[in-house]
PDB file of N, CA and C in Angstrom:
ATOM      1  N   MET A   1      62.033 -97.707-121.686  1.00  0.00           N
ATOM      2  CA  MET A   1      60.620 -97.979-121.678  1.00  0.00           C
ATOM      3  C   MET A   1      60.265 -98.611-120.616  1.00  0.00           C
ATOM      4  N   PHE A   2      60.728 -99.799-120.453  1.00  0.00           N
ATOM      5  CA  PHE A   2      60.539-100.914-119.397  1.00  0.00           C
ATOM      6  C   PHE A   2      60.749-100.197-117.956  1.00  0.00           C
ATOM      7  N   LEU A   3      61.807 -99.752-117.769  1.00  0.00           N
ATOM      8  CA  LEU A   3      62.204 -98.953-116.688  1.00  0.00           C
ATOM      9  C   LEU A   3      61.180 -97.927-116.194  1.00  0.00           C
ATOM     10  N   THR A   4      60.729 -97.132-116.990  1.00  0.00           N
ATOM     11  CA  THR A   4      59.778 -95.962-116.733  1.00  0.00           C
ATOM     12  C   THR A   4      58.307 -96.576-116.360  1.00  0.00           C
ATOM     13  N   LYS A   5      57.938 -97.709-117.150  1.00  0.00           N
ATOM     14  CA  LYS A   5      56.762 -98.278-116.579  1.00  0.00           C
ATOM     15  C   LYS A   5      56.722 -98.889-115.273  1.00  0.00           C
ATOM     16  N   LYS A   6      57.926 -99.457-114.813  1.00  0.00           N
ATOM     17  CA  LYS A   6      58.210-100.065-113.719  1.00  0.00           C
ATOM     18  C   LYS A   6      58.105 -99.176-112.481  1.00  0.00           C
ATOM     19  N   LEU A   7      58.726 -97.936-112.865  1.00  0.00           N
ATOM     20  CA  LEU A   7      58.817 -96.741-111.849  1.00  0.00           C
ATOM     21  C   LEU A   7      57.572 -96.019-111.802  1.00  0.00           C
ATOM     22  N   MET A   8      56.648 -96.058-112.777  1.00  0.00           N
ATOM     23  CA  MET A   8      55.323 -95.558-112.563  1.00  0.00           C
ATOM     24  C   MET A   8      54.307 -96.324-111.941  1.00  0.00           C
ATOM     25  N   SER A   9      54.635 -97.729-111.979  1.00  0.00           N
ATOM     26  CA  SER A   9      53.553 -98.483-111.399  1.00  0.00           C
ATOM     27  C   SER A   9      53.635 -98.444-109.932  1.00  0.00           C
ATOM     28  N   ASN A  10      52.394 -98.599-109.430  1.00  0.00           N
ATOM     29  CA  ASN A  10      52.161 -98.620-107.871  1.00  0.00           C
ATOM     30  C   ASN A  10      52.141 -99.960-107.263  1.00  0.00           C
ATOM     31  N   VAL A  11      52.336-101.001-108.087  1.00  0.00           N
ATOM     32  CA  VAL A  11      52.220-102.385-107.670  1.00  0.00           C
ATOM     33  C   VAL A  11      53.760-102.752-107.253  1.00  0.00           C
ATOM     34  N   PRO A  12      53.854-103.169-106.151  1.00  0.00           N
ATOM     35  CA  PRO A  12      55.359-103.239-105.898  1.00  0.00           C
ATOM     36  C   PRO A  12      55.680-104.886-106.616  1.00  0.00           C
ATOM     37  N   GLU A  13      57.093-104.892-106.709  1.00  0.00           N
ATOM     38  CA  GLU A  13      57.474-106.217-107.332  1.00  0.00           C
ATOM     39  C   GLU A  13      57.347-107.301-106.468  1.00  0.00           C
ATOM     40  N   LEU A  14      57.124-108.312-106.926  1.00  0.00           N
ATOM     41  CA  LEU A  14      56.533-109.555-106.159  1.00  0.00           C
ATOM     42  C   LEU A  14      57.821-110.339-105.922  1.00  0.00           C
ATOM     43  N   VAL A  15      58.038-110.939-104.535  1.00  0.00           N
ATOM     44  CA  VAL A  15      58.825-111.691-104.248  1.00  0.00           C
ATOM     45  C   VAL A  15      58.370-113.111-104.129  1.00  0.00           C
ATOM     46  N   SER A  16      58.905-114.277-104.677  1.00  0.00           N
ATOM     47  CA  SER A  16      58.322-115.436-104.684  1.00  0.00           C
ATOM     48  C   SER A  16      57.592-115.810-103.485  1.00  0.00           C
ATOM     49  N   GLY A  17      56.252-116.265-103.488  1.00  0.00           N
ATOM     50  CA  GLY A  17      55.718-116.714-102.313  1.00  0.00           C
ATOM     51  C   GLY A  17      55.068-115.734-101.626  1.00  0.00           C
ATOM     52  N   SER A  18      55.109-114.227-101.844  1.00  0.00           N
ATOM     53  CA  SER A  18      54.569-113.347-101.073  1.00  0.00           C
ATOM     54  C   SER A  18      53.069-112.918-101.672  1.00  0.00           C
ATOM     55  N   CYS A  19      52.419-112.335-101.084  1.00  0.00           N
ATOM     56  CA  CYS A  19      51.111-111.628-101.216  1.00  0.00           C
ATOM     57  C   CYS A  19      51.005-110.416-100.981  1.00  0.00           C
ATOM     58  N   TRP A  20      51.514-109.511-101.670  1.00  0.00           N
ATOM     59  CA  TRP A  20      51.771-108.000-101.463  1.00  0.00           C
ATOM     60  C   TRP A  20      50.399-107.274-101.059  1.00  0.00           C
ATOM     61  N   TRP A  21      49.157-107.832-101.445  1.00  0.00           N
ATOM     62  CA  TRP A  21      48.135-107.253-101.074  1.00  0.00           C
ATOM     63  C   TRP A  21      47.425-107.475 -99.611  1.00  0.00           C
ATOM     64  N   LYS A  22      48.149-108.476 -98.957  1.00  0.00           N
ATOM     65  CA  LYS A  22      47.711-109.013 -97.730  1.00  0.00           C
ATOM     66  C   LYS A  22      48.731-108.522 -96.754  1.00  0.00           C
ATOM     67  N   LYS A  23      48.183-108.100 -95.435  1.00  0.00           N
ATOM     68  CA  LYS A  23      49.116-107.716 -94.319  1.00  0.00           C
ATOM     69  C   LYS A  23      49.453-108.884 -93.694  1.00  0.00           C
ATOM     70  N   PRO A  24      50.744-108.744 -93.294  1.00  0.00           N
ATOM     71  CA  PRO A  24      51.214-110.041 -92.384  1.00  0.00           C
ATOM     72  C   PRO A  24      50.425-110.182 -91.094  1.00  0.00           C
ATOM     73  N   LEU A  25      50.491-111.358 -90.409  1.00  0.00           N
ATOM     74  CA  LEU A  25      49.853-111.528 -89.243  1.00  0.00           C
ATOM     75  C   LEU A  25      50.620-110.892 -88.156  1.00  0.00           C
ATOM     76  N   TYR A  26      51.872-110.863 -88.106  1.00  0.00           N
ATOM     77  CA  TYR A  26      52.423-110.146 -87.106  1.00  0.00           C
ATOM     78  C   TYR A  26      53.507-109.453 -87.621  1.00  0.00           C
ATOM     79  N   TYR A  27      53.829-108.183 -87.155  1.00  0.00           N
ATOM     80  CA  TYR A  27      55.007-107.386 -87.547  1.00  0.00           C
ATOM     81  C   TYR A  27      56.027-107.662 -86.325  1.00  0.00           C
ATOM     82  N   ASN A  28      57.091-107.864 -86.621  1.00  0.00           N
ATOM     83  CA  ASN A  28      58.310-107.802 -85.464  1.00  0.00           C
ATOM     84  C   ASN A  28      58.601-106.440 -85.121  1.00  0.00           C
ATOM     85  N   PRO A  29      58.398-106.321 -83.925  1.00  0.00           N
ATOM     86  CA  PRO A  29      58.697-104.739 -83.466  1.00  0.00           C
ATOM     87  C   PRO A  29      60.028-104.506 -83.499  1.00  0.00           C
ATOM     88  N   VAL A  30      60.474-103.615 -84.134  1.00  0.00           N
ATOM     89  CA  VAL A  30      62.041-103.208 -83.821  1.00  0.00           C
ATOM     90  C   VAL A  30      62.152-101.924 -82.988  1.00  0.00           C
ATOM     91  N   VAL A  31      62.693-102.221 -81.791  1.00  0.00           N
ATOM     92  CA  VAL A  31      62.808-101.282 -80.696  1.00  0.00           C
ATOM     93  C   VAL A  31      64.185-100.793 -80.704  1.00  0.00           C
ATOM     94  N   ARG A  32      64.457 -99.472 -81.058  1.00  0.00           N
ATOM     95  CA  ARG A  32      65.840 -98.938 -81.091  1.00  0.00           C
ATOM     96  C   ARG A  32      66.138 -98.643 -79.589  1.00  0.00           C
ATOM     97  N   PRO A  33      67.516 -98.549 -79.499  1.00  0.00           N
ATOM     98  CA  PRO A  33      67.968 -98.151 -77.956  1.00  0.00           C
ATOM     99  C   PRO A  33      67.416 -97.107 -77.563  1.00  0.00           C
ATOM    100  N   LEU A  34      67.208 -96.010 -78.169  1.00  0.00           N
ATOM    101  CA  LEU A  34      66.591 -94.668 -77.724  1.00  0.00           C
ATOM    102  C   LEU A  34      65.231 -94.742 -77.452  1.00  0.00           C
ATOM    103  N   ASP A  35      64.313 -95.821 -78.248  1.00  0.00           N
ATOM    104  CA  ASP A  35      62.818 -95.989 -77.914  1.00  0.00           C
ATOM    105  C   ASP A  35      62.776 -96.771 -76.505  1.00  0.00           C
ATOM    106  N   ARG A  36      63.969 -97.388 -76.063  1.00  0.00           N
ATOM    107  CA  ARG A  36      63.603 -98.228 -74.822  1.00  0.00           C
ATOM    108  C   ARG A  36      63.524 -97.276 -73.532  1.00  0.00           C
ATOM    109  N   GLY A  37      64.032 -96.047 -73.644  1.00  0.00           N
ATOM    110  CA  GLY A  37      64.172 -95.216 -72.769  1.00  0.00           C
ATOM    111  C   GLY A  37      65.516 -94.364 -72.884  1.00  0.00           C
ATOM    112  N   PRO A  38      65.655 -93.254 -72.198  1.00  0.00           N
ATOM    113  CA  PRO A  38      66.571 -92.131 -72.270  1.00  0.00           C
ATOM    114  C   PRO A  38      68.011 -92.809 -72.180  1.00  0.00           C
ATOM    115  N   ASP A  39      68.940 -92.302 -72.633  1.00  0.00           N
ATOM    116  CA  ASP A  39      70.591 -92.728 -72.290  1.00  0.00           C
ATOM    117  C   ASP A  39      71.035 -91.926 -71.277  1.00  0.00           C
ATOM    118  N   PHE A  40      70.286 -91.502 -70.251  1.00  0.00           N
ATOM    119  CA  PHE A  40      71.056 -91.104 -69.073  1.00  0.00           C
ATOM    120  C   PHE A  40      70.173 -91.480 -67.957  1.00  0.00           C
ATOM    121  N   SER A  41      70.806 -91.089 -66.715  1.00  0.00           N
ATOM    122  CA  SER A  41      70.108 -91.569 -65.400  1.00  0.00           C
ATOM    123  C   SER A  41      70.460 -90.336 -64.585  1.00  0.00           C
ATOM    124  N   PHE A  42      69.911 -90.390 -63.295  1.00  0.00           N
ATOM    125  CA  PHE A  42      69.808 -89.588 -62.181  1.00  0.00           C
ATOM    126  C   PHE A  42      70.828 -90.028 -61.300  1.00  0.00           C
ATOM    127  N   VAL A  43      71.825 -88.989 -60.546  1.00  0.00           N
ATOM    128  CA  VAL A  43      72.596 -89.352 -59.649  1.00  0.00           C
ATOM    129  C   VAL A  43      72.158 -90.225 -58.534  1.00  0.00           C
ATOM    130  N   ASP A  44      71.071 -89.761 -58.108  1.00  0.00           N
ATOM    131  CA  ASP A  44      70.310 -90.493 -56.793  1.00  0.00           C
ATOM    132  C   ASP A  44      69.658 -91.684 -57.212  1.00  0.00           C
ATOM    133  N   GLY A  45      69.578 -92.136 -58.563  1.00  0.00           N
ATOM    134  CA  GLY A  45      69.206 -93.561 -58.830  1.00  0.00           C
ATOM    135  C   GLY A  45      67.673 -93.640 -59.350  1.00  0.00           C
ATOM    136  N   ARG A  46      67.104 -92.421 -59.419  1.00  0.00           N
ATOM    137  CA  ARG A  46      65.619 -92.397 -59.894  1.00  0.00           C
ATOM    138  C   ARG A  46      65.829 -92.735 -61.507  1.00  0.00           C
ATOM    139  N   LYS A  47      64.803 -93.335 -61.954  1.00  0.00           N
ATOM    140  CA  LYS A  47      64.529 -93.735 -63.455  1.00  0.00           C
ATOM    141  C   LYS A  47      64.011 -92.600 -63.935  1.00  0.00           C
ATOM    142  N   PRO A  48      64.334 -92.021 -65.293  1.00  0.00           N
ATOM    143  CA  PRO A  48      63.706 -90.843 -65.803  1.00  0.00           C
ATOM    144  C   PRO A  48      62.163 -91.339 -66.385  1.00  0.00           C
ATOM    145  N   SER A  49      61.408 -90.411 -66.439  1.00  0.00           N
ATOM    146  CA  SER A  49      60.026 -90.728 -66.932  1.00  0.00           C
ATOM    147  C   SER A  49      60.202 -90.809 -68.465  1.00  0.00           C
ATOM    148  N   ILE A  50      58.913 -91.222 -69.027  1.00  0.00           N
ATOM    149  CA  ILE A  50      58.963 -91.296 -70.490  1.00  0.00           C
ATOM    150  C   ILE A  50      59.229 -89.934 -71.038  1.00  0.00           C
ATOM    151  N   THR A  51      60.044 -89.950 -72.124  1.00  0.00           N
ATOM    152  CA  THR A  51      60.780 -88.838 -72.793  1.00  0.00           C
ATOM    153  C   THR A  51      60.271 -88.581 -74.113  1.00  0.00           C
ATOM    154  N   THR A  52      59.725 -89.766 -74.817  1.00  0.00           N
ATOM    155  CA  THR A  52      59.403 -89.423 -76.318  1.00  0.00           C
ATOM    156  C   THR A  52      58.000 -89.812 -76.391  1.00  0.00           C
ATOM    157  N   LYS A  53      57.343 -89.396 -77.352  1.00  0.00           N
ATOM    158  CA  LYS A  53      56.126 -89.825 -78.030  1.00  0.00           C
ATOM    159  C   LYS A  53      55.985 -91.367 -78.231  1.00  0.00           C
ATOM    160  N   TRP A  54      57.112 -91.728 -78.945  1.00  0.00           N
ATOM    161  CA  TRP A  54      57.188 -93.171 -79.528  1.00  0.00           C
ATOM    162  C   TRP A  54      57.206 -94.093 -78.387  1.00  0.00           C
ATOM    163  N   GLU A  55      58.072 -93.725 -77.222  1.00  0.00           N
ATOM    164  CA  GLU A  55      58.270 -94.691 -76.108  1.00  0.00           C
ATOM    165  C   GLU A  55      56.845 -94.769 -75.529  1.00  0.00           C
ATOM    166  N   LEU A  56      56.253 -93.644 -75.331  1.00  0.00           N
ATOM    167  CA  LEU A  56      54.892 -93.701 -74.696  1.00  0.00           C
ATOM    168  C   LEU A  56      53.888 -94.726 -75.393  1.00  0.00           C
ATOM    169  N   GLU A  57      53.946 -94.537 -76.794  1.00  0.00           N
ATOM    170  CA  GLU A  57      53.061 -95.324 -77.735  1.00  0.00           C
ATOM    171  C   GLU A  57      53.417 -96.795 -77.627  1.00  0.00           C
ATOM    172  N   ARG A  58      54.686 -97.112 -77.561  1.00  0.00           N
ATOM    173  CA  ARG A  58      55.242 -98.498 -77.493  1.00  0.00           C
ATOM    174  C   ARG A  58      54.734 -99.024 -75.970  1.00  0.00           C
ATOM    175  N   ARG A  59      54.777 -98.208 -75.103  1.00  0.00           N
ATOM    176  CA  ARG A  59      54.428 -98.925 -73.812  1.00  0.00           C
ATOM    177  C   ARG A  59      52.843 -98.899 -73.860  1.00  0.00           C
ATOM    178  N   LYS A  60      52.216 -98.301 -74.420  1.00  0.00           N
ATOM    179  CA  LYS A  60      50.733 -98.397 -74.275  1.00  0.00           C
ATOM    180  C   LYS A  60      50.354 -99.550 -75.238  1.00  0.00           C
ATOM    181  N   LYS A  61      51.040 -99.677 -76.265  1.00  0.00           N
ATOM    182  CA  LYS A  61      50.816-100.969 -77.342  1.00  0.00           C
ATOM    183  C   LYS A  61      51.199-102.267 -76.344  1.00  0.00           C
ATOM    184  N   GLN A  62      52.294-102.049 -75.560  1.00  0.00           N
ATOM    185  CA  GLN A  62      52.726-103.435 -74.744  1.00  0.00           C
ATOM    186  C   GLN A  62      51.709-103.547 -73.709  1.00  0.00           C
ATOM    187  N   VAL A  63      51.069-102.703 -73.241  1.00  0.00           N
ATOM    188  CA  VAL A  63      49.979-102.773 -72.183  1.00  0.00           C
ATOM    189  C   VAL A  63      48.886-103.524 -72.823  1.00  0.00           C
ATOM    190  N   GLU A  64      48.494-103.140 -73.927  1.00  0.00           N
ATOM    191  CA  GLU A  64      47.225-103.584 -74.666  1.00  0.00           C
ATOM    192  C   GLU A  64      47.526-105.143 -75.165  1.00  0.00           C
ATOM    193  N   LEU A  65      48.642-105.342 -75.680  1.00  0.00           N
ATOM    194  CA  LEU A  65      49.193-106.672 -76.093  1.00  0.00           C
ATOM    195  C   LEU A  65      49.000-107.593 -74.801  1.00  0.00           C
ATOM    196  N   GLY A  66      49.485-107.132 -73.732  1.00  0.00           N
ATOM    197  CA  GLY A  66      49.274-107.779 -72.326  1.00  0.00           C
ATOM    198  C   GLY A  66      47.815-108.260 -72.037  1.00  0.00           C
ATOM    199  N   LYS A  67      47.130-107.178 -72.162  1.00  0.00           N
ATOM    200  CA  LYS A  67      45.485-107.240 -71.943  1.00  0.00           C
ATOM    201  C   LYS A  67      45.084-108.307 -72.880  1.00  0.00           C
ATOM    202  N   GLN A  68      45.368-108.203 -74.146  1.00  0.00           N
ATOM    203  CA  GLN A  68      44.974-109.392 -75.161  1.00  0.00           C
ATOM    204  C   GLN A  68      45.327-110.665 -74.845  1.00  0.00           C
ATOM    205  N   ILE A  69      46.465-110.917 -74.184  1.00  0.00           N
ATOM    206  CA  ILE A  69      47.150-112.167 -73.976  1.00  0.00           C
ATOM    207  C   ILE A  69      46.259-112.663 -72.789  1.00  0.00           C
ATOM    208  N   VAL A  70      46.154-111.936 -71.717  1.00  0.00           N
ATOM    209  CA  VAL A  70      45.314-112.294 -70.634  1.00  0.00           C
ATOM    210  C   VAL A  70      43.858-112.720 -70.990  1.00  0.00           C
ATOM    211  N   HIS A  71      43.342-111.908 -71.742  1.00  0.00           N
ATOM    212  CA  HIS A  71      42.006-112.380 -72.202  1.00  0.00           C
ATOM    213  C   HIS A  71      41.761-113.451 -72.950  1.00  0.00           C
ATOM    214  N   TYR A  72      42.585-113.794 -73.931  1.00  0.00           N
ATOM    215  CA  TYR A  72      42.829-114.911 -74.808  1.00  0.00           C
ATOM    216  C   TYR A  72      43.028-116.109 -73.767  1.00  0.00           C
ATOM    217  N   LEU A  73      44.061-115.827 -72.865  1.00  0.00           N
ATOM    218  CA  LEU A  73      44.441-117.014 -71.960  1.00  0.00           C
ATOM    219  C   LEU A  73      43.097-117.569 -71.036  1.00  0.00           C
ATOM    220  N   ASN A  74      42.448-116.474 -70.625  1.00  0.00           N
ATOM    221  CA  ASN A  74      41.080-116.565 -69.863  1.00  0.00           C
ATOM    222  C   ASN A  74      39.999-117.313 -70.716  1.00  0.00           C
ATOM    223  N   GLU A  75      39.837-117.161 -72.297  1.00  0.00           N
ATOM    224  CA  GLU A  75      39.143-117.691 -73.162  1.00  0.00           C
ATOM    225  C   GLU A  75      39.485-119.217 -73.197  1.00  0.00           C
ATOM    226  N   ILE A  76      40.908-119.342 -73.226  1.00  0.00           N
ATOM    227  CA  ILE A  76      41.420-120.737 -73.327  1.00  0.00           C
ATOM    228  C   ILE A  76      40.811-121.575 -72.038  1.00  0.00           C
ATOM    229  N   LYS A  77      41.012-120.840 -70.817  1.00  0.00           N
ATOM    230  CA  LYS A  77      40.731-121.670 -69.657  1.00  0.00           C
ATOM    231  C   LYS A  77      39.187-122.132 -69.845  1.00  0.00           C
ATOM    232  N   ILE A  78      38.411-120.916 -70.071  1.00  0.00           N
ATOM    233  CA  ILE A  78      36.773-121.387 -70.142  1.00  0.00           C
ATOM    234  C   ILE A  78      36.481-122.527 -71.093  1.00  0.00           C
ATOM    235  N   ALA A  79      37.270-122.473 -72.223  1.00  0.00           N
ATOM    236  CA  ALA A  79      37.027-123.579 -73.316  1.00  0.00           C
ATOM    237  C   ALA A  79      37.442-124.991 -72.880  1.00  0.00           C
ATOM    238  N   GLU A  80      38.412-124.960 -72.186  1.00  0.00           N
ATOM    239  CA  GLU A  80      39.171-126.238 -71.584  1.00  0.00           C
ATOM    240  C   GLU A  80      37.953-126.637 -70.399  1.00  0.00           C
ATOM    241  N   GLN A  81      37.589-125.902 -69.759  1.00  0.00           N
ATOM    242  CA  GLN A  81      36.593-126.193 -68.598  1.00  0.00           C
ATOM    243  C   GLN A  81      35.219-126.726 -69.316  1.00  0.00           C
ATOM    244  N   LEU A  82      34.780-126.111 -70.420  1.00  0.00           N
ATOM    245  CA  LEU A  82      33.620-126.475 -71.212  1.00  0.00           C
ATOM    246  C   LEU A  82      33.847-127.946 -71.856  1.00  0.00           C
ATOM    247  N   TYR A  83      35.028-128.145 -72.456  1.00  0.00           N
ATOM    248  CA  TYR A  83      35.594-129.536 -72.962  1.00  0.00           C
ATOM    249  C   TYR A  83      35.164-130.416 -71.941  1.00  0.00           C
ATOM    250  N   GLU A  84      36.064-130.238 -70.530  1.00  0.00           N
ATOM    251  CA  GLU A  84      35.829-131.134 -69.620  1.00  0.00           C
ATOM    252  C   GLU A  84      34.387-131.541 -69.349  1.00  0.00           C
ATOM    253  N   GLU A  85      33.650-130.488 -69.100  1.00  0.00           N
ATOM    254  CA  GLU A  85      32.180-130.750 -68.906  1.00  0.00           C
ATOM    255  C   GLU A  85      31.443-131.460 -69.868  1.00  0.00           C
ATOM    256  N   GLN A  86      31.824-131.289 -71.052  1.00  0.00           N
ATOM    257  CA  GLN A  86      31.190-132.010 -72.285  1.00  0.00           C
ATOM    258  C   GLN A  86      31.630-133.364 -72.205  1.00  0.00           C
ATOM    259  N   GLN A  87      32.920-133.649 -71.990  1.00  0.00           N
ATOM    260  CA  GLN A  87      33.433-135.182 -71.895  1.00  0.00           C
ATOM    261  C   GLN A  87      32.826-135.807 -70.717  1.00  0.00           C
ATOM    262  N   ILE A  88      32.554-135.034 -69.476  1.00  0.00           N
ATOM    263  CA  ILE A  88      31.841-135.853 -68.314  1.00  0.00           C
ATOM    264  C   ILE A  88      30.420-136.205 -68.815  1.00  0.00           C
ATOM    265  N   GLN A  89      29.778-135.194 -69.377  1.00  0.00           N
ATOM    266  CA  GLN A  89      28.415-135.423 -69.757  1.00  0.00           C
ATOM    267  C   GLN A  89      28.168-136.562 -70.945  1.00  0.00           C
ATOM    268  N   LYS A  90      29.050-136.516 -71.905  1.00  0.00           N
ATOM    269  CA  LYS A  90      29.332-137.594 -72.921  1.00  0.00           C
ATOM    270  C   LYS A  90      29.573-139.046 -72.319  1.00  0.00           C
ATOM    271  N   THR A  91      30.229-139.062 -71.104  1.00  0.00           N
ATOM    272  CA  THR A  91      30.520-140.507 -70.403  1.00  0.00           C
ATOM    273  C   THR A  91      29.257-140.710 -69.613  1.00  0.00           C
ATOM    274  N   LEU A  92      28.598-139.709 -68.965  1.00  0.00           N
ATOM    275  CA  LEU A  92      27.321-140.238 -68.267  1.00  0.00           C
ATOM    276  C   LEU A  92      26.560-140.619 -69.146  1.00  0.00           C
ATOM    277  N   ARG A  93      26.226-139.998 -70.280  1.00  0.00           N
ATOM    278  CA  ARG A  93      25.248-140.229 -71.244  1.00  0.00           C
ATOM    279  C   ARG A  93      25.510-141.750 -71.733  1.00  0.00           C
ATOM    280  N   ALA A  94      26.613-142.109 -72.090  1.00  0.00           N
ATOM    281  CA  ALA A  94      27.049-143.461 -72.458  1.00  0.00           C
ATOM    282  C   ALA A  94      26.794-144.475 -71.582  1.00  0.00           C
ATOM    283  N   GLU A  95      26.977-144.139 -70.224  1.00  0.00           N
ATOM    284  CA  GLU A  95      26.736-144.944 -69.131  1.00  0.00           C
ATOM    285  C   GLU A  95      25.149-145.264 -68.994  1.00  0.00           C
ATOM    286  N   LYS A  96      24.535-144.198 -69.173  1.00  0.00           N
ATOM    287  CA  LYS A  96      23.109-144.146 -69.012  1.00  0.00           C
ATOM    288  C   LYS A  96      22.439-145.004 -70.124  1.00  0.00           C
ATOM    289  N   ILE A  97      22.957-145.001 -71.307  1.00  0.00           N
ATOM    290  CA  ILE A  97      22.493-145.760 -72.446  1.00  0.00           C
ATOM    291  C   ILE A  97      22.999-147.234 -72.135  1.00  0.00           C
ATOM    292  N   GLU A  98      24.125-147.462 -71.638  1.00  0.00           N
ATOM    293  CA  GLU A  98      24.575-148.708 -71.366  1.00  0.00           C
ATOM    294  C   GLU A  98      23.721-149.621 -70.521  1.00  0.00           C
ATOM    295  N   GLN A  99      23.219-148.839 -69.323  1.00  0.00           N
ATOM    296  CA  GLN A  99      22.442-149.279 -68.260  1.00  0.00           C
ATOM    297  C   GLN A  99      20.997-149.616 -68.853  1.00  0.00           C
ATOM    298  N   SER A 100      20.534-149.007 -69.751  1.00  0.00           N
ATOM    299  CA  SER A 100      19.111-148.963 -70.062  1.00  0.00           C
ATOM    300  C   SER A 100      18.971-149.971 -71.220  1.00  0.00           C
ATOM    301  N   LYS A 101      20.058-150.485 -71.831  1.00  0.00           N
ATOM    302  CA  LYS A 101      19.990-151.387 -72.865  1.00  0.00           C
ATOM    303  C   LYS A 101      19.426-152.799 -72.233  1.00  0.00           C
ATOM    304  N   PRO A 102      18.632-153.538 -72.921  1.00  0.00           N
ATOM    305  CA  PRO A 102      18.154-154.824 -72.349  1.00  0.00           C
ATOM    306  C   PRO A 102      19.317-155.879 -72.305  1.00  0.00           C
ATOM    307  N   ARG A 103      19.268-156.611 -71.442  1.00  0.00           N
ATOM    308  CA  ARG A 103      20.411-157.535 -71.164  1.00  0.00           C
ATOM    309  C   ARG A 103      19.919-159.131 -71.357  1.00  0.00           C
ATOM    310  N   GLU A 104      20.858-160.032 -71.678  1.00  0.00           N
ATOM    311  CA  GLU A 104      20.621-161.270 -71.904  1.00  0.00           C
ATOM    312  C   GLU A 104      20.360-162.041 -70.685  1.00  0.00           C
ATOM    313  N   LYS A 105      19.327-162.641 -70.769  1.00  0.00           N
ATOM    314  CA  LYS A 105      18.997-163.484 -69.410  1.00  0.00           C
ATOM    315  C   LYS A 105      19.896-164.599 -69.243  1.00  0.00           C
ATOM    316  N   GLY A 106      20.348-165.294 -70.078  1.00  0.00           N
ATOM    317  CA  GLY A 106      21.147-166.296 -70.075  1.00  0.00           C
ATOM    318  C   GLY A 106      20.866-167.470 -69.099  1.00  0.00           C
ATOM    319  N   ILE A 107      21.751-168.009 -68.446  1.00  0.00           N
ATOM    320  CA  ILE A 107      21.447-169.192 -67.578  1.00  0.00           C
ATOM    321  C   ILE A 107      21.401-168.821 -66.219  1.00  0.00           C
ATOM    322  N   GLU A 108      21.501-167.465 -65.958  1.00  0.00           N
ATOM    323  CA  GLU A 108      21.241-167.032 -64.538  1.00  0.00           C
ATOM    324  C   GLU A 108      19.907-167.031 -63.938  1.00  0.00           C
ATOM    325  N   SER A 109      19.813-167.697 -62.773  1.00  0.00           N
ATOM    326  CA  SER A 109      18.381-167.892 -62.218  1.00  0.00           C
ATOM    327  C   SER A 109      17.868-166.588 -61.881  1.00  0.00           C
ATOM    328  N   VAL A 110      16.518-166.557 -61.816  1.00  0.00           N
ATOM    329  CA  VAL A 110      15.829-165.400 -61.430  1.00  0.00           C
ATOM    330  C   VAL A 110      15.796-165.039 -60.080  1.00  0.00           C
ATOM    331  N   PHE A 111      15.815-166.094 -59.318  1.00  0.00           N
ATOM    332  CA  PHE A 111      15.601-166.008 -57.748  1.00  0.00           C
ATOM    333  C   PHE A 111      16.935-165.673 -57.157  1.00  0.00           C
TER     334      PHE A 111
END
């Protein structure tokens, strides 16, 4: 009875600490040897072109990942520049406030 219920259930068995309803953040790509390219070469040294649909999709995906990486690196550079500008503005504002504060006259002469 228990076995049939488990077979008929569409909920996978939980492994401790896993959330079966969430997709993982990153899938480790498994690239089989034949997905990397054909297992032959030409005598004159030319590289064979893409021979499978999976290889084409994998290369397109790698190009898209590269574009995303470049985009995110540019965003990081912009964020670093904005942070530097904010820090400069903050120091200038603090100096301006410090200069505009009233000072003690003390024993210094006015002349």
